[in-house]
Amino acid sequence: MCCYLRELDKLDIDLIIAEPVPHTGIGRAVNDRLQRASEK
């Protein structure tokens, strides 16, 4: 997931829409990364 976010960031677009995943297992890390990316 994080690699895809980096690729999208390189496209210089203004908006990326992503839905949170279930907050269990690796979902915690994915949701954390999405949250931190949304604060930039």
C-alpha atoms as a PDB file:
ATOM      1  CA  MET A   1       0.000   0.000   0.000  1.00  0.00           C
ATOM      2  CA  CYS A   2       2.669   2.514   0.959  1.00  0.00           C
ATOM      3  CA  CYS A   3       4.539   1.996  -2.295  1.00  0.00           C
ATOM      4  CA  TYR A   4       1.367   2.856  -4.198  1.00  0.00           C
ATOM      5  CA  LEU A   5       0.979   6.053  -2.212  1.00  0.00           C
ATOM      6  CA  ARG A   6       4.516   7.066  -3.156  1.00  0.00           C
ATOM      7  CA  GLU A   7       3.775   6.407  -6.820  1.00  0.00           C
ATOM      8  CA  LEU A   8       0.611   8.501  -6.644  1.00  0.00           C
ATOM      9  CA  ASP A   9       2.530  11.273  -4.869  1.00  0.00           C
ATOM     10  CA  LYS A  10       4.959  11.438  -7.805  1.00  0.00           C
ATOM     11  CA  LEU A  11       2.050  12.245 -10.142  1.00  0.00           C
ATOM     12  CA  ASP A  12       1.595  15.666  -8.490  1.00  0.00           C
ATOM     13  CA  ILE A  13      -2.150  15.236  -8.127  1.00  0.00           C
ATOM     14  CA  ASP A  14      -4.186  17.178  -5.590  1.00  0.00           C
ATOM     15  CA  LEU A  15      -6.379  14.422  -4.170  1.00  0.00           C
ATOM     16  CA  ILE A  16      -6.036  10.727  -3.400  1.00  0.00           C
ATOM     17  CA  ILE A  17      -9.130   8.958  -2.093  1.00  0.00           C
ATOM     18  CA  ALA A  18      -8.560   5.867   0.052  1.00  0.00           C
ATOM     19  CA  GLU A  19     -10.792   3.992   2.452  1.00  0.00           C
ATOM     20  CA  PRO A  20      -9.523   2.708   5.787  1.00  0.00           C
ATOM     21  CA  VAL A  21      -9.169  -1.043   6.136  1.00  0.00           C
ATOM     22  CA  PRO A  22     -10.210  -3.121   9.164  1.00  0.00           C
ATOM     23  CA  HIS A  23      -8.060  -2.056  12.117  1.00  0.00           C
ATOM     24  CA  THR A  24      -6.624  -5.512  12.824  1.00  0.00           C
ATOM     25  CA  GLY A  25      -3.277  -7.037  11.924  1.00  0.00           C
ATOM     26  CA  ILE A  26      -1.502  -5.138   9.156  1.00  0.00           C
ATOM     27  CA  GLY A  27      -4.586  -2.944   8.819  1.00  0.00           C
ATOM     28  CA  ARG A  28      -3.348  -0.945  11.799  1.00  0.00           C
ATOM     29  CA  ALA A  29      -0.146  -0.061   9.950  1.00  0.00           C
ATOM     30  CA  VAL A  30      -1.990   0.723   6.720  1.00  0.00           C
ATOM     31  CA  ASN A  31      -4.471   2.989   8.487  1.00  0.00           C
ATOM     32  CA  ASP A  32      -1.645   4.694  10.375  1.00  0.00           C
ATOM     33  CA  ARG A  33       0.158   5.411   7.099  1.00  0.00           C
ATOM     34  CA  LEU A  34      -3.006   6.728   5.480  1.00  0.00           C
ATOM     35  CA  GLN A  35      -3.647   8.974   8.465  1.00  0.00           C
ATOM     36  CA  ARG A  36      -0.128  10.399   8.464  1.00  0.00           C
ATOM     37  CA  ALA A  37      -0.203  10.932   4.702  1.00  0.00           C
ATOM     38  CA  SER A  38      -3.496  12.814   4.973  1.00  0.00           C
ATOM     39  CA  GLU A  39      -1.972  15.304   7.400  1.00  0.00           C
ATOM     40  CA  LYS A  40       0.625  16.581   4.928  1.00  0.00           C
END
